[in-house]
Amino acid sequence: MTTESIHLSPTDFDNLLWCATRYCIGRHSYVSGYAQDFWRIIQSNRKNLSQERLELFAHDIRAEISARINYYGNISVKHANALCIKYDALSLLANYVRSHPEQKEGETFYEIDCITENVEASSWAIESRRSALLPFYICNEFDLPYWALLANCIDRQYEVTLNCNGNERKELCVKHPVIGGEYTVVSNWSTCVCNQFIVDVKPLFSEEDDR
């Protein structure tokens, strides 16, 4: 039995990866576990991929995440597909909810604007609810953060300097989309750095990310 090589042009490879990702986002199944594998594929083949296409890829991931949470009854997302968006609606909502712990997610209606990055909250009255649609709870969302991490790895990495017991080391990290202020190691998404050991953070891309 012989094994034949599979030959794909960079464009074919890019298209296949893009289509596979768009299919997987929001499926609420084991496929979210492939998100980090997709990143490893991108990382090992980055020299063969167009940077412009990669940035569009990251944008499409964020747009798809925003469209997914817009399906819920207590969420309204504006401008999810605008090319200038910097954050997906899930990351914007998570940041808002952390800042307003007094609000109950299942009783609050959120309007999220992906261009202005503004989130407005109001009471989600029973009589105004769309009965067929359930409320969105961030704590129940286990797969969308993986895809947001993939987008962040593509275009929003940081060089984080850590000092542990007098020994300094640097880690490539991204901001976690749901857990506020927490950096996740690019090479292993299950590893987070301890904030008390951070002595310096340097963004590796042109836009500063202060979330």
C-alpha atoms as a PDB file:
ATOM      1  CA  MET A   1       0.000   0.000   0.000  1.00  0.00           C
ATOM      2  CA  THR A   2       1.499   3.318  -1.055  1.00  0.00           C
ATOM      3  CA  THR A   3       0.861   6.778   0.345  1.00  0.00           C
ATOM      4  CA  GLU A   4       0.602   9.572  -2.182  1.00  0.00           C
ATOM      5  CA  SER A   5       1.473  13.165  -1.363  1.00  0.00           C
ATOM      6  CA  ILE A   6      -1.320  15.698  -1.256  1.00  0.00           C
ATOM      7  CA  HIS A   7      -0.486  18.839  -3.192  1.00  0.00           C
ATOM      8  CA  LEU A   8      -2.312  22.062  -2.408  1.00  0.00           C
ATOM      9  CA  SER A   9      -1.477  25.545  -3.575  1.00  0.00           C
ATOM     10  CA  PRO A  10      -1.296  28.230  -0.841  1.00  0.00           C
ATOM     11  CA  THR A  11      -4.616  29.597  -2.112  1.00  0.00           C
ATOM     12  CA  ASP A  12      -6.293  26.178  -2.008  1.00  0.00           C
ATOM     13  CA  PHE A  13      -4.917  25.576   1.480  1.00  0.00           C
ATOM     14  CA  ASP A  14      -6.100  29.007   2.643  1.00  0.00           C
ATOM     15  CA  ASN A  15      -9.579  28.466   1.199  1.00  0.00           C
ATOM     16  CA  LEU A  16      -9.897  25.013   2.773  1.00  0.00           C
ATOM     17  CA  LEU A  17      -8.883  26.262   6.212  1.00  0.00           C
ATOM     18  CA  TRP A  18     -11.213  29.259   5.980  1.00  0.00           C
ATOM     19  CA  CYS A  19     -14.217  27.147   4.930  1.00  0.00           C
ATOM     20  CA  ALA A  20     -13.556  24.531   7.614  1.00  0.00           C
ATOM     21  CA  THR A  21     -13.384  27.189  10.307  1.00  0.00           C
ATOM     22  CA  ARG A  22     -16.559  28.961   9.192  1.00  0.00           C
ATOM     23  CA  TYR A  23     -18.369  25.625   9.311  1.00  0.00           C
ATOM     24  CA  CYS A  24     -17.125  24.777  12.810  1.00  0.00           C
ATOM     25  CA  ILE A  25     -17.835  28.053  14.638  1.00  0.00           C
ATOM     26  CA  GLY A  26     -20.756  27.868  17.036  1.00  0.00           C
ATOM     27  CA  ARG A  27     -21.473  24.170  16.571  1.00  0.00           C
ATOM     28  CA  HIS A  28     -21.310  23.533  20.346  1.00  0.00           C
ATOM     29  CA  SER A  29     -19.538  20.234  19.829  1.00  0.00           C
ATOM     30  CA  TYR A  30     -16.087  18.674  19.948  1.00  0.00           C
ATOM     31  CA  VAL A  31     -15.022  20.595  16.819  1.00  0.00           C
ATOM     32  CA  SER A  32     -14.114  23.610  18.970  1.00  0.00           C
ATOM     33  CA  GLY A  33     -11.172  21.502  20.127  1.00  0.00           C
ATOM     34  CA  TYR A  34      -9.749  21.850  16.619  1.00  0.00           C
ATOM     35  CA  ALA A  35      -9.351  25.607  16.919  1.00  0.00           C
ATOM     36  CA  GLN A  36      -5.864  25.345  18.411  1.00  0.00           C
ATOM     37  CA  ASP A  37      -4.933  22.736  15.793  1.00  0.00           C
ATOM     38  CA  PHE A  38      -5.994  25.225  13.129  1.00  0.00           C
ATOM     39  CA  TRP A  39      -3.686  27.770  14.740  1.00  0.00           C
ATOM     40  CA  ARG A  40      -0.768  25.314  14.653  1.00  0.00           C
ATOM     41  CA  ILE A  41      -1.430  24.742  10.938  1.00  0.00           C
ATOM     42  CA  ILE A  42      -1.461  28.501  10.297  1.00  0.00           C
ATOM     43  CA  GLN A  43       1.663  29.057  12.386  1.00  0.00           C
ATOM     44  CA  SER A  44       3.700  26.356  10.661  1.00  0.00           C
ATOM     45  CA  ASN A  45       2.645  27.563   7.197  1.00  0.00           C
ATOM     46  CA  ARG A  46       2.504  31.298   7.809  1.00  0.00           C
ATOM     47  CA  LYS A  47       5.264  32.132   5.347  1.00  0.00           C
ATOM     48  CA  ASN A  48       3.118  30.623   2.571  1.00  0.00           C
ATOM     49  CA  LEU A  49      -0.058  32.487   3.529  1.00  0.00           C
ATOM     50  CA  SER A  50      -1.055  36.021   2.635  1.00  0.00           C
ATOM     51  CA  GLN A  51      -1.019  38.372   5.639  1.00  0.00           C
ATOM     52  CA  GLU A  52      -3.917  40.292   4.120  1.00  0.00           C
ATOM     53  CA  ARG A  53      -5.948  37.096   3.823  1.00  0.00           C
ATOM     54  CA  LEU A  54      -5.055  36.088   7.386  1.00  0.00           C
ATOM     55  CA  GLU A  55      -6.334  39.431   8.680  1.00  0.00           C
ATOM     56  CA  LEU A  56      -9.551  38.910   6.719  1.00  0.00           C
ATOM     57  CA  PHE A  57      -9.724  35.404   8.201  1.00  0.00           C
ATOM     58  CA  ALA A  58      -9.521  36.843  11.733  1.00  0.00           C
ATOM     59  CA  HIS A  59     -12.224  39.377  10.843  1.00  0.00           C
ATOM     60  CA  ASP A  60     -14.526  36.653   9.502  1.00  0.00           C
ATOM     61  CA  ILE A  61     -14.117  34.624  12.690  1.00  0.00           C
ATOM     62  CA  ARG A  62     -15.126  37.643  14.784  1.00  0.00           C
ATOM     63  CA  ALA A  63     -18.070  38.384  12.495  1.00  0.00           C
ATOM     64  CA  GLU A  64     -19.291  34.788  12.685  1.00  0.00           C
ATOM     65  CA  ILE A  65     -19.007  34.759  16.492  1.00  0.00           C
ATOM     66  CA  SER A  66     -21.042  37.970  16.620  1.00  0.00           C
ATOM     67  CA  ALA A  67     -23.686  36.523  14.304  1.00  0.00           C
ATOM     68  CA  ARG A  68     -23.971  33.416  16.478  1.00  0.00           C
ATOM     69  CA  ILE A  69     -24.762  35.250  19.701  1.00  0.00           C
ATOM     70  CA  ASN A  70     -27.144  37.523  17.795  1.00  0.00           C
ATOM     71  CA  TYR A  71     -29.414  34.464  17.454  1.00  0.00           C
ATOM     72  CA  TYR A  72     -30.294  34.648  21.156  1.00  0.00           C
ATOM     73  CA  GLY A  73     -33.324  36.519  22.429  1.00  0.00           C
ATOM     74  CA  ASN A  74     -31.529  38.937  24.748  1.00  0.00           C
ATOM     75  CA  ILE A  75     -28.797  39.995  22.295  1.00  0.00           C
ATOM     76  CA  SER A  76     -28.859  42.481  19.431  1.00  0.00           C
ATOM     77  CA  VAL A  77     -25.601  42.934  17.492  1.00  0.00           C
ATOM     78  CA  LYS A  78     -24.963  45.832  15.130  1.00  0.00           C
ATOM     79  CA  HIS A  79     -22.247  46.098  12.460  1.00  0.00           C
ATOM     80  CA  ALA A  80     -20.869  42.603  13.035  1.00  0.00           C
ATOM     81  CA  ASN A  81     -19.634  42.372   9.437  1.00  0.00           C
ATOM     82  CA  ALA A  82     -18.009  45.798   9.163  1.00  0.00           C
ATOM     83  CA  LEU A  83     -14.381  45.441   8.087  1.00  0.00           C
ATOM     84  CA  CYS A  84     -13.183  47.911  10.719  1.00  0.00           C
ATOM     85  CA  ILE A  85     -14.316  45.912  13.771  1.00  0.00           C
ATOM     86  CA  LYS A  86     -11.567  45.121  16.292  1.00  0.00           C
ATOM     87  CA  TYR A  87     -13.512  42.892  18.708  1.00  0.00           C
ATOM     88  CA  ASP A  88     -16.173  40.243  18.373  1.00  0.00           C
ATOM     89  CA  ALA A  89     -19.477  40.779  20.161  1.00  0.00           C
ATOM     90  CA  LEU A  90     -18.739  38.008  22.679  1.00  0.00           C
ATOM     91  CA  SER A  91     -15.544  39.735  23.866  1.00  0.00           C
ATOM     92  CA  LEU A  92     -17.333  43.089  24.080  1.00  0.00           C
ATOM     93  CA  LEU A  93     -20.216  41.565  26.038  1.00  0.00           C
ATOM     94  CA  ALA A  94     -17.890  39.688  28.415  1.00  0.00           C
ATOM     95  CA  ASN A  95     -16.001  42.899  29.148  1.00  0.00           C
ATOM     96  CA  TYR A  96     -19.269  44.720  29.859  1.00  0.00           C
ATOM     97  CA  VAL A  97     -20.699  41.977  32.082  1.00  0.00           C
ATOM     98  CA  ARG A  98     -17.510  41.885  34.168  1.00  0.00           C
ATOM     99  CA  SER A  99     -17.858  45.621  34.739  1.00  0.00           C
ATOM    100  CA  HIS A 100     -21.532  45.333  35.748  1.00  0.00           C
ATOM    101  CA  PRO A 101     -21.821  42.342  38.101  1.00  0.00           C
ATOM    102  CA  GLU A 102     -25.084  43.668  39.492  1.00  0.00           C
ATOM    103  CA  GLN A 103     -26.928  42.853  36.263  1.00  0.00           C
ATOM    104  CA  LYS A 104     -28.463  39.433  35.725  1.00  0.00           C
ATOM    105  CA  GLU A 105     -27.735  38.126  32.243  1.00  0.00           C
ATOM    106  CA  GLY A 106     -30.986  36.192  31.886  1.00  0.00           C
ATOM    107  CA  GLU A 107     -33.008  39.317  32.721  1.00  0.00           C
ATOM    108  CA  THR A 108     -31.026  41.868  30.704  1.00  0.00           C
ATOM    109  CA  PHE A 109     -31.221  42.812  27.026  1.00  0.00           C
ATOM    110  CA  TYR A 110     -27.908  43.815  25.452  1.00  0.00           C
ATOM    111  CA  GLU A 111     -27.367  45.948  22.357  1.00  0.00           C
ATOM    112  CA  ILE A 112     -23.802  45.537  21.102  1.00  0.00           C
ATOM    113  CA  ASP A 113     -22.239  47.769  18.436  1.00  0.00           C
ATOM    114  CA  CYS A 114     -19.104  46.192  16.983  1.00  0.00           C
ATOM    115  CA  ILE A 115     -17.914  49.491  15.447  1.00  0.00           C
ATOM    116  CA  THR A 116     -18.263  51.794  18.453  1.00  0.00           C
ATOM    117  CA  GLU A 117     -17.588  48.850  20.830  1.00  0.00           C
ATOM    118  CA  ASN A 118     -20.461  50.163  22.931  1.00  0.00           C
ATOM    119  CA  VAL A 119     -22.763  47.876  24.895  1.00  0.00           C
ATOM    120  CA  GLU A 120     -26.114  49.141  26.166  1.00  0.00           C
ATOM    121  CA  ALA A 121     -28.204  47.202  28.649  1.00  0.00           C
ATOM    122  CA  SER A 122     -31.895  47.393  29.451  1.00  0.00           C
ATOM    123  CA  SER A 123     -34.453  45.274  31.242  1.00  0.00           C
ATOM    124  CA  TRP A 124     -35.541  42.244  29.227  1.00  0.00           C
ATOM    125  CA  ALA A 125     -39.211  42.299  30.141  1.00  0.00           C
ATOM    126  CA  ILE A 126     -41.154  39.060  29.916  1.00  0.00           C
ATOM    127  CA  GLU A 127     -43.785  40.558  27.634  1.00  0.00           C
ATOM    128  CA  SER A 128     -41.144  41.694  25.115  1.00  0.00           C
ATOM    129  CA  ARG A 129     -39.308  38.381  24.894  1.00  0.00           C
ATOM    130  CA  ARG A 130     -39.260  36.385  21.713  1.00  0.00           C
ATOM    131  CA  SER A 131     -40.601  33.165  23.189  1.00  0.00           C
ATOM    132  CA  ALA A 132     -38.801  30.882  20.739  1.00  0.00           C
ATOM    133  CA  LEU A 133     -35.381  32.303  21.600  1.00  0.00           C
ATOM    134  CA  LEU A 134     -33.461  31.563  24.774  1.00  0.00           C
ATOM    135  CA  PRO A 135     -31.277  34.052  26.654  1.00  0.00           C
ATOM    136  CA  PHE A 136     -27.511  34.002  26.148  1.00  0.00           C
ATOM    137  CA  TYR A 137     -25.286  33.254  29.138  1.00  0.00           C
ATOM    138  CA  ILE A 138     -21.540  33.739  28.789  1.00  0.00           C
ATOM    139  CA  CYS A 139     -20.822  31.003  31.353  1.00  0.00           C
ATOM    140  CA  ASN A 140     -22.611  28.467  29.102  1.00  0.00           C
ATOM    141  CA  GLU A 141     -20.518  29.312  26.060  1.00  0.00           C
ATOM    142  CA  PHE A 142     -17.714  26.790  25.782  1.00  0.00           C
ATOM    143  CA  ASP A 143     -16.777  26.812  22.102  1.00  0.00           C
ATOM    144  CA  LEU A 144     -16.913  30.421  20.872  1.00  0.00           C
ATOM    145  CA  PRO A 145     -14.009  31.526  23.128  1.00  0.00           C
ATOM    146  CA  TYR A 146     -11.780  29.017  21.329  1.00  0.00           C
ATOM    147  CA  TRP A 147     -12.506  30.623  17.971  1.00  0.00           C
ATOM    148  CA  ALA A 148     -11.972  34.102  19.430  1.00  0.00           C
ATOM    149  CA  LEU A 149      -8.579  32.885  20.687  1.00  0.00           C
ATOM    150  CA  LEU A 150      -7.775  31.716  17.147  1.00  0.00           C
ATOM    151  CA  ALA A 151      -8.568  35.167  15.746  1.00  0.00           C
ATOM    152  CA  ASN A 152      -6.470  36.809  18.460  1.00  0.00           C
ATOM    153  CA  CYS A 153      -3.524  34.506  17.707  1.00  0.00           C
ATOM    154  CA  ILE A 154      -3.643  35.580  14.069  1.00  0.00           C
ATOM    155  CA  ASP A 155      -3.496  39.328  14.598  1.00  0.00           C
ATOM    156  CA  ARG A 156      -3.301  40.259  18.304  1.00  0.00           C
ATOM    157  CA  GLN A 157      -0.331  38.703  20.065  1.00  0.00           C
ATOM    158  CA  TYR A 158       1.730  40.111  22.936  1.00  0.00           C
ATOM    159  CA  GLU A 159       5.221  39.547  24.220  1.00  0.00           C
ATOM    160  CA  VAL A 160       4.732  39.165  27.968  1.00  0.00           C
ATOM    161  CA  THR A 161       7.770  39.380  30.243  1.00  0.00           C
ATOM    162  CA  LEU A 162       7.475  37.395  33.462  1.00  0.00           C
ATOM    163  CA  ASN A 163       9.641  37.480  36.571  1.00  0.00           C
ATOM    164  CA  CYS A 164       9.419  34.305  38.639  1.00  0.00           C
ATOM    165  CA  ASN A 165      11.737  34.143  41.670  1.00  0.00           C
ATOM    166  CA  GLY A 166      14.137  36.594  40.062  1.00  0.00           C
ATOM    167  CA  ASN A 167      14.240  34.750  36.727  1.00  0.00           C
ATOM    168  CA  GLU A 168      12.828  36.605  33.718  1.00  0.00           C
ATOM    169  CA  ARG A 169      11.330  34.875  30.720  1.00  0.00           C
ATOM    170  CA  LYS A 170       9.203  35.952  27.788  1.00  0.00           C
ATOM    171  CA  GLU A 171       6.027  34.292  26.554  1.00  0.00           C
ATOM    172  CA  LEU A 172       3.988  34.914  23.412  1.00  0.00           C
ATOM    173  CA  CYS A 173       0.420  35.431  24.640  1.00  0.00           C
ATOM    174  CA  VAL A 174      -3.044  36.591  23.681  1.00  0.00           C
ATOM    175  CA  LYS A 175      -5.773  38.108  25.825  1.00  0.00           C
ATOM    176  CA  HIS A 176      -8.450  35.641  26.823  1.00  0.00           C
ATOM    177  CA  PRO A 177     -11.760  36.802  25.249  1.00  0.00           C
ATOM    178  CA  VAL A 178     -13.901  36.023  28.314  1.00  0.00           C
ATOM    179  CA  ILE A 179     -11.657  36.097  31.385  1.00  0.00           C
ATOM    180  CA  GLY A 180     -10.755  39.736  31.981  1.00  0.00           C
ATOM    181  CA  GLY A 181      -7.097  40.719  32.109  1.00  0.00           C
ATOM    182  CA  GLU A 182      -5.857  37.170  31.700  1.00  0.00           C
ATOM    183  CA  TYR A 183      -3.196  36.246  29.167  1.00  0.00           C
ATOM    184  CA  THR A 184      -3.202  32.843  27.501  1.00  0.00           C
ATOM    185  CA  VAL A 185       0.006  31.319  26.137  1.00  0.00           C
ATOM    186  CA  VAL A 186      -0.109  31.127  22.341  1.00  0.00           C
ATOM    187  CA  SER A 187       1.511  27.683  22.156  1.00  0.00           C
ATOM    188  CA  ASN A 188      -0.812  26.129  24.762  1.00  0.00           C
ATOM    189  CA  TRP A 189      -4.255  27.637  25.267  1.00  0.00           C
ATOM    190  CA  SER A 190      -4.794  25.749  28.525  1.00  0.00           C
ATOM    191  CA  THR A 191      -1.888  27.672  30.091  1.00  0.00           C
ATOM    192  CA  CYS A 192      -2.473  31.139  31.513  1.00  0.00           C
ATOM    193  CA  VAL A 193       0.198  33.386  32.998  1.00  0.00           C
ATOM    194  CA  CYS A 194      -0.149  34.671  36.551  1.00  0.00           C
ATOM    195  CA  ASN A 195      -0.740  38.409  36.558  1.00  0.00           C
ATOM    196  CA  GLN A 196       1.423  38.958  39.649  1.00  0.00           C
ATOM    197  CA  PHE A 197       4.485  37.742  37.718  1.00  0.00           C
ATOM    198  CA  ILE A 198       3.992  40.094  34.737  1.00  0.00           C
ATOM    199  CA  VAL A 199       6.538  42.906  34.551  1.00  0.00           C
ATOM    200  CA  ASP A 200       6.036  44.073  30.951  1.00  0.00           C
ATOM    201  CA  VAL A 201       3.611  43.603  28.053  1.00  0.00           C
ATOM    202  CA  LYS A 202       4.492  44.574  24.491  1.00  0.00           C
ATOM    203  CA  PRO A 203       1.952  44.287  21.640  1.00  0.00           C
ATOM    204  CA  LEU A 204       3.440  42.656  18.545  1.00  0.00           C
ATOM    205  CA  PHE A 205       1.029  44.280  16.136  1.00  0.00           C
ATOM    206  CA  SER A 206       0.380  47.912  15.322  1.00  0.00           C
ATOM    207  CA  GLU A 207      -2.848  48.391  17.277  1.00  0.00           C
ATOM    208  CA  GLU A 208      -2.739  48.573  21.066  1.00  0.00           C
ATOM    209  CA  ASP A 209      -5.227  46.306  22.809  1.00  0.00           C
ATOM    210  CA  ASP A 210      -6.115  47.585  26.257  1.00  0.00           C
ATOM    211  CA  ARG A 211      -8.884  45.144  27.130  1.00  0.00           C
END
